[in-house]
C-alpha atoms as a PDB file:
ATOM      1  CA  UNK A   1     -13.235   2.085   9.476  1.00  0.00           C
ATOM      2  CA  UNK A   2     -11.207   0.479  12.254  1.00  0.00           C
ATOM      3  CA  UNK A   3     -12.455  -1.268  15.354  1.00  0.00           C
ATOM      4  CA  UNK A   4     -12.629   2.055  17.213  1.00  0.00           C
ATOM      5  CA  UNK A   5     -14.874   3.633  14.577  1.00  0.00           C
ATOM      6  CA  UNK A   6     -18.584   4.262  14.948  1.00  0.00           C
ATOM      7  CA  UNK A   7     -19.208   1.313  12.624  1.00  0.00           C
ATOM      8  CA  UNK A   8     -16.974  -1.525  11.518  1.00  0.00           C
ATOM      9  CA  UNK A   9     -17.054  -4.718   9.494  1.00  0.00           C
ATOM     10  CA  UNK A  10     -14.882  -7.464  10.911  1.00  0.00           C
ATOM     11  CA  UNK A  11     -14.086 -11.150  10.647  1.00  0.00           C
ATOM     12  CA  UNK A  12     -13.713 -13.424  13.655  1.00  0.00           C
ATOM     13  CA  UNK A  13     -11.258 -16.302  13.912  1.00  0.00           C
ATOM     14  CA  UNK A  14     -10.439 -18.932  16.462  1.00  0.00           C
ATOM     15  CA  UNK A  15      -6.939 -20.231  17.021  1.00  0.00           C
ATOM     16  CA  UNK A  16      -6.997 -23.887  16.026  1.00  0.00           C
ATOM     17  CA  UNK A  17      -3.760 -24.847  17.817  1.00  0.00           C
ATOM     18  CA  UNK A  18      -2.916 -24.931  21.525  1.00  0.00           C
ATOM     19  CA  UNK A  19      -1.125 -21.705  22.436  1.00  0.00           C
ATOM     20  CA  UNK A  20       2.187 -22.442  24.214  1.00  0.00           C
ATOM     21  CA  UNK A  21       2.553 -20.550  27.496  1.00  0.00           C
ATOM     22  CA  UNK A  22       6.028 -19.333  26.537  1.00  0.00           C
ATOM     23  CA  UNK A  23       4.572 -17.595  23.454  1.00  0.00           C
ATOM     24  CA  UNK A  24       2.947 -14.820  25.497  1.00  0.00           C
ATOM     25  CA  UNK A  25       6.317 -13.413  26.557  1.00  0.00           C
ATOM     26  CA  UNK A  26       7.652 -13.614  22.983  1.00  0.00           C
ATOM     27  CA  UNK A  27       4.756 -11.843  21.248  1.00  0.00           C
ATOM     28  CA  UNK A  28       6.250  -8.286  21.310  1.00  0.00           C
ATOM     29  CA  UNK A  29       9.489  -9.614  19.799  1.00  0.00           C
ATOM     30  CA  UNK A  30       7.631 -11.618  17.161  1.00  0.00           C
ATOM     31  CA  UNK A  31       5.539  -8.591  16.176  1.00  0.00           C
ATOM     32  CA  UNK A  32       8.745  -6.606  15.652  1.00  0.00           C
ATOM     33  CA  UNK A  33      10.367  -9.467  13.752  1.00  0.00           C
ATOM     34  CA  UNK A  34       7.496  -9.530  11.259  1.00  0.00           C
ATOM     35  CA  UNK A  35       6.716  -5.815  11.388  1.00  0.00           C
ATOM     36  CA  UNK A  36       5.965  -3.701   8.342  1.00  0.00           C
ATOM     37  CA  UNK A  37       8.890  -2.621   6.164  1.00  0.00           C
ATOM     38  CA  UNK A  38       8.283   0.311   3.830  1.00  0.00           C
ATOM     39  CA  UNK A  39       8.740   0.207   0.046  1.00  0.00           C
ATOM     40  CA  UNK A  40       8.822   3.937  -0.694  1.00  0.00           C
ATOM     41  CA  UNK A  41      12.413   3.693  -1.933  1.00  0.00           C
ATOM     42  CA  UNK A  42      12.299   0.315  -3.670  1.00  0.00           C
ATOM     43  CA  UNK A  43      10.286  -0.725  -6.782  1.00  0.00           C
ATOM     44  CA  UNK A  44       8.015  -3.274  -5.082  1.00  0.00           C
ATOM     45  CA  UNK A  45       4.272  -3.546  -5.662  1.00  0.00           C
ATOM     46  CA  UNK A  46       3.203  -4.613  -2.186  1.00  0.00           C
ATOM     47  CA  UNK A  47       4.467  -4.798   1.367  1.00  0.00           C
ATOM     48  CA  UNK A  48       2.738  -5.839   4.563  1.00  0.00           C
ATOM     49  CA  UNK A  49       3.476  -6.405   8.218  1.00  0.00           C
ATOM     50  CA  UNK A  50       2.454  -5.560  11.771  1.00  0.00           C
ATOM     51  CA  UNK A  51       2.313  -2.039  13.176  1.00  0.00           C
ATOM     52  CA  UNK A  52       1.084  -0.418  16.360  1.00  0.00           C
ATOM     53  CA  UNK A  53      -2.676  -0.308  16.936  1.00  0.00           C
ATOM     54  CA  UNK A  54      -2.384   3.400  17.792  1.00  0.00           C
ATOM     55  CA  UNK A  55      -0.007   4.530  15.030  1.00  0.00           C
ATOM     56  CA  UNK A  56       0.487   2.916  11.620  1.00  0.00           C
ATOM     57  CA  UNK A  57       3.923   4.581  11.369  1.00  0.00           C
ATOM     58  CA  UNK A  58       5.107   2.858  14.546  1.00  0.00           C
ATOM     59  CA  UNK A  59       6.552  -0.582  13.843  1.00  0.00           C
ATOM     60  CA  UNK A  60       8.578  -0.569  17.062  1.00  0.00           C
ATOM     61  CA  UNK A  61       5.609  -0.118  19.444  1.00  0.00           C
ATOM     62  CA  UNK A  62       7.097   3.018  20.954  1.00  0.00           C
ATOM     63  CA  UNK A  63       3.716   4.773  21.142  1.00  0.00           C
ATOM     64  CA  UNK A  64       2.058   2.000  23.175  1.00  0.00           C
ATOM     65  CA  UNK A  65       2.580  -1.717  23.865  1.00  0.00           C
ATOM     66  CA  UNK A  66       0.307  -4.300  22.207  1.00  0.00           C
ATOM     67  CA  UNK A  67      -0.896  -5.649  25.569  1.00  0.00           C
ATOM     68  CA  UNK A  68      -4.284  -4.190  26.587  1.00  0.00           C
ATOM     69  CA  UNK A  69      -5.380  -6.109  29.665  1.00  0.00           C
ATOM     70  CA  UNK A  70      -6.723  -9.473  28.510  1.00  0.00           C
ATOM     71  CA  UNK A  71      -6.285  -8.423  24.867  1.00  0.00           C
ATOM     72  CA  UNK A  72      -3.509  -7.935  22.364  1.00  0.00           C
ATOM     73  CA  UNK A  73      -4.115  -5.081  19.937  1.00  0.00           C
ATOM     74  CA  UNK A  74      -2.024  -4.420  16.851  1.00  0.00           C
ATOM     75  CA  UNK A  75      -2.656  -3.804  13.167  1.00  0.00           C
ATOM     76  CA  UNK A  76      -1.805  -5.212   9.766  1.00  0.00           C
ATOM     77  CA  UNK A  77      -0.497  -2.558   7.401  1.00  0.00           C
ATOM     78  CA  UNK A  78      -0.622  -3.203   3.661  1.00  0.00           C
ATOM     79  CA  UNK A  79       0.992  -0.785   1.202  1.00  0.00           C
ATOM     80  CA  UNK A  80       0.145  -1.201  -2.474  1.00  0.00           C
ATOM     81  CA  UNK A  81       1.775   0.625  -5.352  1.00  0.00           C
ATOM     82  CA  UNK A  82      -0.646   0.942  -8.266  1.00  0.00           C
ATOM     83  CA  UNK A  83       0.238   2.093 -11.763  1.00  0.00           C
ATOM     84  CA  UNK A  84      -2.883   3.299 -13.606  1.00  0.00           C
ATOM     85  CA  UNK A  85      -3.539   0.851 -16.487  1.00  0.00           C
ATOM     86  CA  UNK A  86      -3.850   3.695 -19.020  1.00  0.00           C
ATOM     87  CA  UNK A  87      -0.429   5.040 -18.044  1.00  0.00           C
ATOM     88  CA  UNK A  88       1.209   1.622 -18.358  1.00  0.00           C
ATOM     89  CA  UNK A  89      -0.518   0.971 -21.696  1.00  0.00           C
ATOM     90  CA  UNK A  90       0.704   4.275 -23.082  1.00  0.00           C
ATOM     91  CA  UNK A  91       4.341   3.686 -22.150  1.00  0.00           C
ATOM     92  CA  UNK A  92       4.308   0.096 -23.380  1.00  0.00           C
ATOM     93  CA  UNK A  93       2.822   1.202 -26.725  1.00  0.00           C
ATOM     94  CA  UNK A  94       5.563   3.809 -27.121  1.00  0.00           C
ATOM     95  CA  UNK A  95       8.237   1.233 -26.251  1.00  0.00           C
ATOM     96  CA  UNK A  96       6.847  -1.311 -28.763  1.00  0.00           C
ATOM     97  CA  UNK A  97       6.738   1.264 -31.563  1.00  0.00           C
ATOM     98  CA  UNK A  98      10.331   2.272 -30.864  1.00  0.00           C
ATOM     99  CA  UNK A  99      11.303  -1.409 -30.873  1.00  0.00           C
ATOM    100  CA  UNK A 100       9.526  -1.901 -34.223  1.00  0.00           C
ATOM    101  CA  UNK A 101      11.569   0.928 -35.758  1.00  0.00           C
ATOM    102  CA  UNK A 102      14.774  -0.530 -34.359  1.00  0.00           C
ATOM    103  CA  UNK A 103      14.228  -4.062 -35.708  1.00  0.00           C
ATOM    104  CA  UNK A 104      13.167  -2.740 -39.130  1.00  0.00           C
ATOM    105  CA  UNK A 105      16.576  -1.114 -39.424  1.00  0.00           C
ATOM    106  CA  UNK A 106      18.190  -4.545 -39.086  1.00  0.00           C
ATOM    107  CA  UNK A 107      15.774  -6.236 -41.497  1.00  0.00           C
ATOM    108  CA  UNK A 108      13.351  -7.841 -39.047  1.00  0.00           C
ATOM    109  CA  UNK A 109       9.559  -7.486 -39.229  1.00  0.00           C
ATOM    110  CA  UNK A 110       8.049  -8.871 -36.035  1.00  0.00           C
ATOM    111  CA  UNK A 111       8.590  -8.492 -32.313  1.00  0.00           C
ATOM    112  CA  UNK A 112       8.413 -11.778 -30.454  1.00  0.00           C
ATOM    113  CA  UNK A 113       5.873 -12.290 -27.683  1.00  0.00           C
ATOM    114  CA  UNK A 114       8.697 -12.743 -25.198  1.00  0.00           C
ATOM    115  CA  UNK A 115      10.240  -9.416 -26.203  1.00  0.00           C
ATOM    116  CA  UNK A 116       6.897  -7.601 -25.837  1.00  0.00           C
ATOM    117  CA  UNK A 117       6.525  -9.073 -22.365  1.00  0.00           C
ATOM    118  CA  UNK A 118      10.059  -8.004 -21.527  1.00  0.00           C
ATOM    119  CA  UNK A 119       9.333  -4.435 -22.659  1.00  0.00           C
ATOM    120  CA  UNK A 120       6.194  -4.356 -20.535  1.00  0.00           C
ATOM    121  CA  UNK A 121       8.067  -5.547 -17.451  1.00  0.00           C
ATOM    122  CA  UNK A 122      10.818  -2.985 -18.022  1.00  0.00           C
ATOM    123  CA  UNK A 123       8.311  -0.137 -18.301  1.00  0.00           C
ATOM    124  CA  UNK A 124       6.383  -1.347 -15.268  1.00  0.00           C
ATOM    125  CA  UNK A 125       9.553  -1.456 -13.198  1.00  0.00           C
ATOM    126  CA  UNK A 126      10.580   2.011 -14.372  1.00  0.00           C
ATOM    127  CA  UNK A 127       7.155   3.517 -13.677  1.00  0.00           C
ATOM    128  CA  UNK A 128       7.054   2.130 -10.140  1.00  0.00           C
ATOM    129  CA  UNK A 129       9.613   4.745  -9.133  1.00  0.00           C
ATOM    130  CA  UNK A 130       7.100   7.471 -10.056  1.00  0.00           C
ATOM    131  CA  UNK A 131       4.163   6.233  -7.933  1.00  0.00           C
ATOM    132  CA  UNK A 132       4.113   6.156  -4.162  1.00  0.00           C
ATOM    133  CA  UNK A 133       2.529   3.145  -2.435  1.00  0.00           C
ATOM    134  CA  UNK A 134      -0.936   3.637  -0.939  1.00  0.00           C
ATOM    135  CA  UNK A 135      -1.149   2.559   2.717  1.00  0.00           C
ATOM    136  CA  UNK A 136      -4.061   0.707   4.305  1.00  0.00           C
ATOM    137  CA  UNK A 137      -4.347  -0.418   7.922  1.00  0.00           C
ATOM    138  CA  UNK A 138      -6.532  -3.176   9.376  1.00  0.00           C
ATOM    139  CA  UNK A 139      -6.977  -3.427  13.135  1.00  0.00           C
ATOM    140  CA  UNK A 140      -6.397  -6.751  14.901  1.00  0.00           C
ATOM    141  CA  UNK A 141      -7.584  -7.650  18.409  1.00  0.00           C
ATOM    142  CA  UNK A 142      -6.698 -10.956  20.071  1.00  0.00           C
ATOM    143  CA  UNK A 143      -8.664 -12.052  23.128  1.00  0.00           C
ATOM    144  CA  UNK A 144      -6.040 -13.970  25.087  1.00  0.00           C
ATOM    145  CA  UNK A 145      -8.651 -15.625  27.335  1.00  0.00           C
ATOM    146  CA  UNK A 146     -10.831 -17.123  24.597  1.00  0.00           C
ATOM    147  CA  UNK A 147      -8.192 -17.060  21.796  1.00  0.00           C
ATOM    148  CA  UNK A 148     -10.709 -15.375  19.514  1.00  0.00           C
ATOM    149  CA  UNK A 149      -9.077 -12.991  17.026  1.00  0.00           C
ATOM    150  CA  UNK A 150     -10.853 -10.084  15.334  1.00  0.00           C
ATOM    151  CA  UNK A 151      -9.728  -8.540  12.032  1.00  0.00           C
ATOM    152  CA  UNK A 152     -11.295  -5.294  10.835  1.00  0.00           C
ATOM    153  CA  UNK A 153     -11.918  -6.527   7.296  1.00  0.00           C
ATOM    154  CA  UNK A 154     -14.161  -8.884   5.343  1.00  0.00           C
ATOM    155  CA  UNK A 155     -12.121  -8.856   2.109  1.00  0.00           C
ATOM    156  CA  UNK A 156     -11.322 -12.422   1.091  1.00  0.00           C
ATOM    157  CA  UNK A 157      -7.831 -11.676  -0.267  1.00  0.00           C
ATOM    158  CA  UNK A 158      -6.924  -9.602   2.787  1.00  0.00           C
ATOM    159  CA  UNK A 159      -8.216 -12.351   5.091  1.00  0.00           C
ATOM    160  CA  UNK A 160      -6.010 -14.917   3.333  1.00  0.00           C
ATOM    161  CA  UNK A 161      -2.970 -12.635   3.613  1.00  0.00           C
ATOM    162  CA  UNK A 162      -3.709 -12.002   7.311  1.00  0.00           C
ATOM    163  CA  UNK A 163      -4.102 -15.694   8.128  1.00  0.00           C
ATOM    164  CA  UNK A 164      -0.827 -16.568   6.383  1.00  0.00           C
ATOM    165  CA  UNK A 165       1.101 -13.755   8.095  1.00  0.00           C
ATOM    166  CA  UNK A 166      -0.391 -14.638  11.483  1.00  0.00           C
ATOM    167  CA  UNK A 167       0.724 -18.248  11.082  1.00  0.00           C
ATOM    168  CA  UNK A 168       4.182 -17.162   9.896  1.00  0.00           C
ATOM    169  CA  UNK A 169       4.554 -14.880  12.917  1.00  0.00           C
ATOM    170  CA  UNK A 170       3.158 -16.985  15.757  1.00  0.00           C
ATOM    171  CA  UNK A 171       3.213 -20.513  14.302  1.00  0.00           C
ATOM    172  CA  UNK A 172      -0.523 -20.748  15.051  1.00  0.00           C
ATOM    173  CA  UNK A 173      -3.279 -21.518  12.583  1.00  0.00           C
ATOM    174  CA  UNK A 174      -6.498 -19.529  12.371  1.00  0.00           C
ATOM    175  CA  UNK A 175      -9.958 -20.763  11.428  1.00  0.00           C
ATOM    176  CA  UNK A 176     -12.637 -18.253  10.355  1.00  0.00           C
ATOM    177  CA  UNK A 177     -15.445 -18.360  12.899  1.00  0.00           C
ATOM    178  CA  UNK A 178     -18.317 -18.690  10.420  1.00  0.00           C
ATOM    179  CA  UNK A 179     -21.886 -19.265  11.701  1.00  0.00           C
ATOM    180  CA  UNK A 180     -21.439 -22.983  10.924  1.00  0.00           C
ATOM    181  CA  UNK A 181     -18.150 -23.176  12.821  1.00  0.00           C
ATOM    182  CA  UNK A 182     -19.622 -21.227  15.736  1.00  0.00           C
ATOM    183  CA  UNK A 183     -22.606 -23.582  15.938  1.00  0.00           C
ATOM    184  CA  UNK A 184     -20.338 -26.625  15.727  1.00  0.00           C
ATOM    185  CA  UNK A 185     -18.224 -25.332  18.610  1.00  0.00           C
ATOM    186  CA  UNK A 186     -21.320 -25.248  20.841  1.00  0.00           C
ATOM    187  CA  UNK A 187     -22.434 -28.812  20.072  1.00  0.00           C
ATOM    188  CA  UNK A 188     -21.061 -32.226  20.864  1.00  0.00           C
ATOM    189  CA  UNK A 189     -19.954 -34.647  18.128  1.00  0.00           C
ATOM    190  CA  UNK A 190     -23.338 -36.332  17.661  1.00  0.00           C
ATOM    191  CA  UNK A 191     -25.192 -33.027  17.566  1.00  0.00           C
ATOM    192  CA  UNK A 192     -22.699 -31.487  15.136  1.00  0.00           C
ATOM    193  CA  UNK A 193     -23.638 -34.100  12.532  1.00  0.00           C
ATOM    194  CA  UNK A 194     -27.160 -32.661  12.499  1.00  0.00           C
ATOM    195  CA  UNK A 195     -25.820 -29.367  11.145  1.00  0.00           C
ATOM    196  CA  UNK A 196     -25.128 -31.006   7.798  1.00  0.00           C
ATOM    197  CA  UNK A 197     -28.806 -31.982   7.467  1.00  0.00           C
ATOM    198  CA  UNK A 198     -30.131 -28.475   7.932  1.00  0.00           C
ATOM    199  CA  UNK A 199     -31.435 -26.532   4.944  1.00  0.00           C
ATOM    200  CA  UNK A 200     -31.306 -22.740   4.672  1.00  0.00           C
ATOM    201  CA  UNK A 201     -34.547 -20.832   5.183  1.00  0.00           C
ATOM    202  CA  UNK A 202     -35.762 -18.628   2.346  1.00  0.00           C
ATOM    203  CA  UNK A 203     -37.287 -15.382   3.582  1.00  0.00           C
ATOM    204  CA  UNK A 204     -38.278 -14.067   0.137  1.00  0.00           C
END
């Protein structure tokens, strides 16, 4: 579920770098520069990029601008093309058996490991044209006053992808706002050292 759903899991980040004042005017252009590009017609496994908060098919922000008062709202779209393992295994097995027949005709007995890998890659590439990518959208909200960023996901791999794409787009680094980091941000330097001496409480 997205941030507008009745329930939502999300991860909070803080921007670790000072945000240049000139960046605010450039944000719409930067979102378009690193917007989502589809892979329906090309044999790629994954594609990701920014799209409109209101419409995952809108990578030009024609439906609504990203500015929402003191917030910026957009989304990260990730399309993944998945070939079922059983389908790939079947086609690779057929290709290897055909290769075995071919090399026997020229007096060879074994297929090299490199050739088997090559056959697998060829079949995988061919099969990609038969499977459409599955889209997924993850809402992003950026509080421009506090520079706290919210991502509607708690998946570790997705979080890593989001942080990298955010840095690529805006040249700003994100830090996950974990309970430890949140506590440290509320304390001075001498008090922060006490956090490392705390032990977790067991409630069971």
